[in-house]
Amino acid sequence: MMQKDQSINVLGGPLSPCSMAPLTGFFRDGHCNTCAQDA
């Protein structure tokens, strides 16, 4: 089962949405979340 890594930006704060239409990102949640399976 894939599980998201901790979601922080380069400043250590929370990620902001990058695109909601269409949903982007590895998890298709509009954020740049990633995990070990995101090659």
PDB file of N, CA and C in Angstrom:
ATOM      1  N   MET A   1       0.838  -1.187   0.000  1.00  0.00           N
ATOM      2  CA  MET A   1       0.000   0.000   0.000  1.00  0.00           C
ATOM      3  C   MET A   1       0.879   1.246   0.000  1.00  0.00           C
ATOM      4  N   MET A   2       0.565   2.183  -0.864  1.00  0.00           N
ATOM      5  CA  MET A   2       1.330   3.424  -0.913  1.00  0.00           C
ATOM      6  C   MET A   2       0.861   4.374   0.162  1.00  0.00           C
ATOM      7  N   GLN A   3       1.826   5.003   0.810  1.00  0.00           N
ATOM      8  CA  GLN A   3       1.515   5.984   1.844  1.00  0.00           C
ATOM      9  C   GLN A   3       2.336   7.231   1.576  1.00  0.00           C
ATOM     10  N   LYS A   4       1.695   8.413   1.663  1.00  0.00           N
ATOM     11  CA  LYS A   4       2.372   9.670   1.379  1.00  0.00           C
ATOM     12  C   LYS A   4       3.485   9.919   2.381  1.00  0.00           C
ATOM     13  N   ASP A   5       4.595  10.493   1.884  1.00  0.00           N
ATOM     14  CA  ASP A   5       5.637  10.985   2.764  1.00  0.00           C
ATOM     15  C   ASP A   5       5.135  12.258   3.439  1.00  0.00           C
ATOM     16  N   GLN A   6       5.861  12.720   4.460  1.00  0.00           N
ATOM     17  CA  GLN A   6       5.487  13.958   5.121  1.00  0.00           C
ATOM     18  C   GLN A   6       5.430  15.079   4.089  1.00  0.00           C
ATOM     19  N   SER A   7       4.365  15.873   4.101  1.00  0.00           N
ATOM     20  CA  SER A   7       4.146  16.906   3.092  1.00  0.00           C
ATOM     21  C   SER A   7       4.540  18.270   3.629  1.00  0.00           C
ATOM     22  N   ILE A   8       5.761  18.698   3.297  1.00  0.00           N
ATOM     23  CA  ILE A   8       6.217  20.037   3.666  1.00  0.00           C
ATOM     24  C   ILE A   8       6.888  20.674   2.463  1.00  0.00           C
ATOM     25  N   ASN A   9       6.890  22.004   2.438  1.00  0.00           N
ATOM     26  CA  ASN A   9       7.563  22.707   1.355  1.00  0.00           C
ATOM     27  C   ASN A   9       9.024  22.953   1.739  1.00  0.00           C
ATOM     28  N   VAL A  10       9.788  23.632   0.885  1.00  0.00           N
ATOM     29  CA  VAL A  10      11.215  23.841   1.138  1.00  0.00           C
ATOM     30  C   VAL A  10      11.474  24.721   2.354  1.00  0.00           C
ATOM     31  N   LEU A  11      10.476  25.460   2.803  1.00  0.00           N
ATOM     32  CA  LEU A  11      10.621  26.300   3.987  1.00  0.00           C
ATOM     33  C   LEU A  11      10.152  25.589   5.251  1.00  0.00           C
ATOM     34  N   GLY A  12       9.686  24.331   5.111  1.00  0.00           N
ATOM     35  CA  GLY A  12       9.229  23.549   6.256  1.00  0.00           C
ATOM     36  C   GLY A  12       7.763  23.719   6.590  1.00  0.00           C
ATOM     37  N   GLY A  13       7.035  24.477   5.780  1.00  0.00           N
ATOM     38  CA  GLY A  13       5.603  24.703   6.010  1.00  0.00           C
ATOM     39  C   GLY A  13       4.749  23.747   5.199  1.00  0.00           C
ATOM     40  N   PRO A  14       3.433  23.890   5.297  1.00  0.00           N
ATOM     41  CA  PRO A  14       2.522  23.007   4.561  1.00  0.00           C
ATOM     42  C   PRO A  14       2.559  23.281   3.059  1.00  0.00           C
ATOM     43  N   LEU A  15       2.270  22.256   2.278  1.00  0.00           N
ATOM     44  CA  LEU A  15       2.189  22.419   0.835  1.00  0.00           C
ATOM     45  C   LEU A  15       0.927  23.183   0.464  1.00  0.00           C
ATOM     46  N   SER A  16       1.020  23.968  -0.587  1.00  0.00           N
ATOM     47  CA  SER A  16      -0.134  24.655  -1.149  1.00  0.00           C
ATOM     48  C   SER A  16      -0.582  23.892  -2.385  1.00  0.00           C
ATOM     49  N   PRO A  17      -1.890  23.941  -2.703  1.00  0.00           N
ATOM     50  CA  PRO A  17      -2.343  23.273  -3.931  1.00  0.00           C
ATOM     51  C   PRO A  17      -1.614  23.825  -5.150  1.00  0.00           C
ATOM     52  N   CYS A  18      -1.281  22.958  -6.097  1.00  0.00           N
ATOM     53  CA  CYS A  18      -0.622  23.424  -7.321  1.00  0.00           C
ATOM     54  C   CYS A  18      -1.577  23.397  -8.501  1.00  0.00           C
ATOM     55  N   SER A  19      -2.557  22.513  -8.503  1.00  0.00           N
ATOM     56  CA  SER A  19      -3.556  22.472  -9.572  1.00  0.00           C
ATOM     57  C   SER A  19      -4.734  21.618  -9.125  1.00  0.00           C
ATOM     58  N   MET A  20      -5.917  22.199  -9.207  1.00  0.00           N
ATOM     59  CA  MET A  20      -7.127  21.468  -8.833  1.00  0.00           C
ATOM     60  C   MET A  20      -7.974  21.105 -10.054  1.00  0.00           C
ATOM     61  N   ALA A  21      -7.687  21.691 -11.217  1.00  0.00           N
ATOM     62  CA  ALA A  21      -8.451  21.395 -12.420  1.00  0.00           C
ATOM     63  C   ALA A  21      -7.513  21.431 -13.613  1.00  0.00           C
ATOM     64  N   PRO A  22      -6.921  20.362 -14.008  1.00  0.00           N
ATOM     65  CA  PRO A  22      -7.123  19.000 -13.502  1.00  0.00           C
ATOM     66  C   PRO A  22      -6.307  18.760 -12.235  1.00  0.00           C
ATOM     67  N   LEU A  23      -6.695  17.716 -11.499  1.00  0.00           N
ATOM     68  CA  LEU A  23      -5.939  17.331 -10.319  1.00  0.00           C
ATOM     69  C   LEU A  23      -4.582  16.787 -10.766  1.00  0.00           C
ATOM     70  N   THR A  24      -3.512  17.307 -10.178  1.00  0.00           N
ATOM     71  CA  THR A  24      -2.168  16.894 -10.556  1.00  0.00           C
ATOM     72  C   THR A  24      -1.467  16.230  -9.385  1.00  0.00           C
ATOM     73  N   GLY A  25      -0.253  15.804  -9.618  1.00  0.00           N
ATOM     74  CA  GLY A  25       0.553  15.158  -8.591  1.00  0.00           C
ATOM     75  C   GLY A  25       0.430  13.646  -8.664  1.00  0.00           C
ATOM     76  N   PHE A  26       1.392  12.967  -8.072  1.00  0.00           N
ATOM     77  CA  PHE A  26       1.434  11.503  -8.087  1.00  0.00           C
ATOM     78  C   PHE A  26       0.163  10.891  -7.503  1.00  0.00           C
ATOM     79  N   PHE A  27      -0.382  11.509  -6.449  1.00  0.00           N
ATOM     80  CA  PHE A  27      -1.594  10.997  -5.803  1.00  0.00           C
ATOM     81  C   PHE A  27      -2.868  11.623  -6.369  1.00  0.00           C
ATOM     82  N   ARG A  28      -2.738  12.493  -7.369  1.00  0.00           N
ATOM     83  CA  ARG A  28      -3.880  13.189  -7.981  1.00  0.00           C
ATOM     84  C   ARG A  28      -4.731  13.876  -6.917  1.00  0.00           C
ATOM     85  N   ASP A  29      -4.032  14.630  -6.033  1.00  0.00           N
ATOM     86  CA  ASP A  29      -4.725  15.349  -4.969  1.00  0.00           C
ATOM     87  C   ASP A  29      -4.504  16.858  -5.059  1.00  0.00           C
ATOM     88  N   GLY A  30      -3.870  17.305  -6.159  1.00  0.00           N
ATOM     89  CA  GLY A  30      -3.638  18.732  -6.353  1.00  0.00           C
ATOM     90  C   GLY A  30      -2.407  19.256  -5.638  1.00  0.00           C
ATOM     91  N   HIS A  31      -1.677  18.403  -4.947  1.00  0.00           N
ATOM     92  CA  HIS A  31      -0.458  18.790  -4.243  1.00  0.00           C
ATOM     93  C   HIS A  31       0.713  17.987  -4.793  1.00  0.00           C
ATOM     94  N   CYS A  32       1.916  18.411  -4.481  1.00  0.00           N
ATOM     95  CA  CYS A  32       3.128  17.700  -4.924  1.00  0.00           C
ATOM     96  C   CYS A  32       3.534  16.646  -3.902  1.00  0.00           C
ATOM     97  N   ASN A  33       2.576  15.876  -3.396  1.00  0.00           N
ATOM     98  CA  ASN A  33       2.878  14.782  -2.463  1.00  0.00           C
ATOM     99  C   ASN A  33       3.625  13.690  -3.202  1.00  0.00           C
ATOM    100  N   THR A  34       4.465  12.962  -2.498  1.00  0.00           N
ATOM    101  CA  THR A  34       5.256  11.900  -3.099  1.00  0.00           C
ATOM    102  C   THR A  34       5.420  10.748  -2.116  1.00  0.00           C
ATOM    103  N   CYS A  35       5.985   9.660  -2.603  1.00  0.00           N
ATOM    104  CA  CYS A  35       6.298   8.501  -1.769  1.00  0.00           C
ATOM    105  C   CYS A  35       7.407   7.716  -2.467  1.00  0.00           C
ATOM    106  N   ALA A  36       7.868   6.658  -1.874  1.00  0.00           N
ATOM    107  CA  ALA A  36       8.966   5.870  -2.434  1.00  0.00           C
ATOM    108  C   ALA A  36       8.619   5.271  -3.797  1.00  0.00           C
ATOM    109  N   GLN A  37       7.344   5.005  -4.081  1.00  0.00           N
ATOM    110  CA  GLN A  37       6.935   4.417  -5.358  1.00  0.00           C
ATOM    111  C   GLN A  37       6.856   5.457  -6.482  1.00  0.00           C
ATOM    112  N   ASP A  38       7.016   6.743  -6.182  1.00  0.00           N
ATOM    113  CA  ASP A  38       6.960   7.814  -7.178  1.00  0.00           C
ATOM    114  C   ASP A  38       8.337   7.933  -7.820  1.00  0.00           C
ATOM    115  N   ALA A  39       8.533   7.170  -8.895  1.00  0.00           N
ATOM    116  CA  ALA A  39       9.859   7.164  -9.547  1.00  0.00           C
ATOM    117  C   ALA A  39       9.945   8.262 -10.550  1.00  0.00           C
TER     118      ALA A  39
END
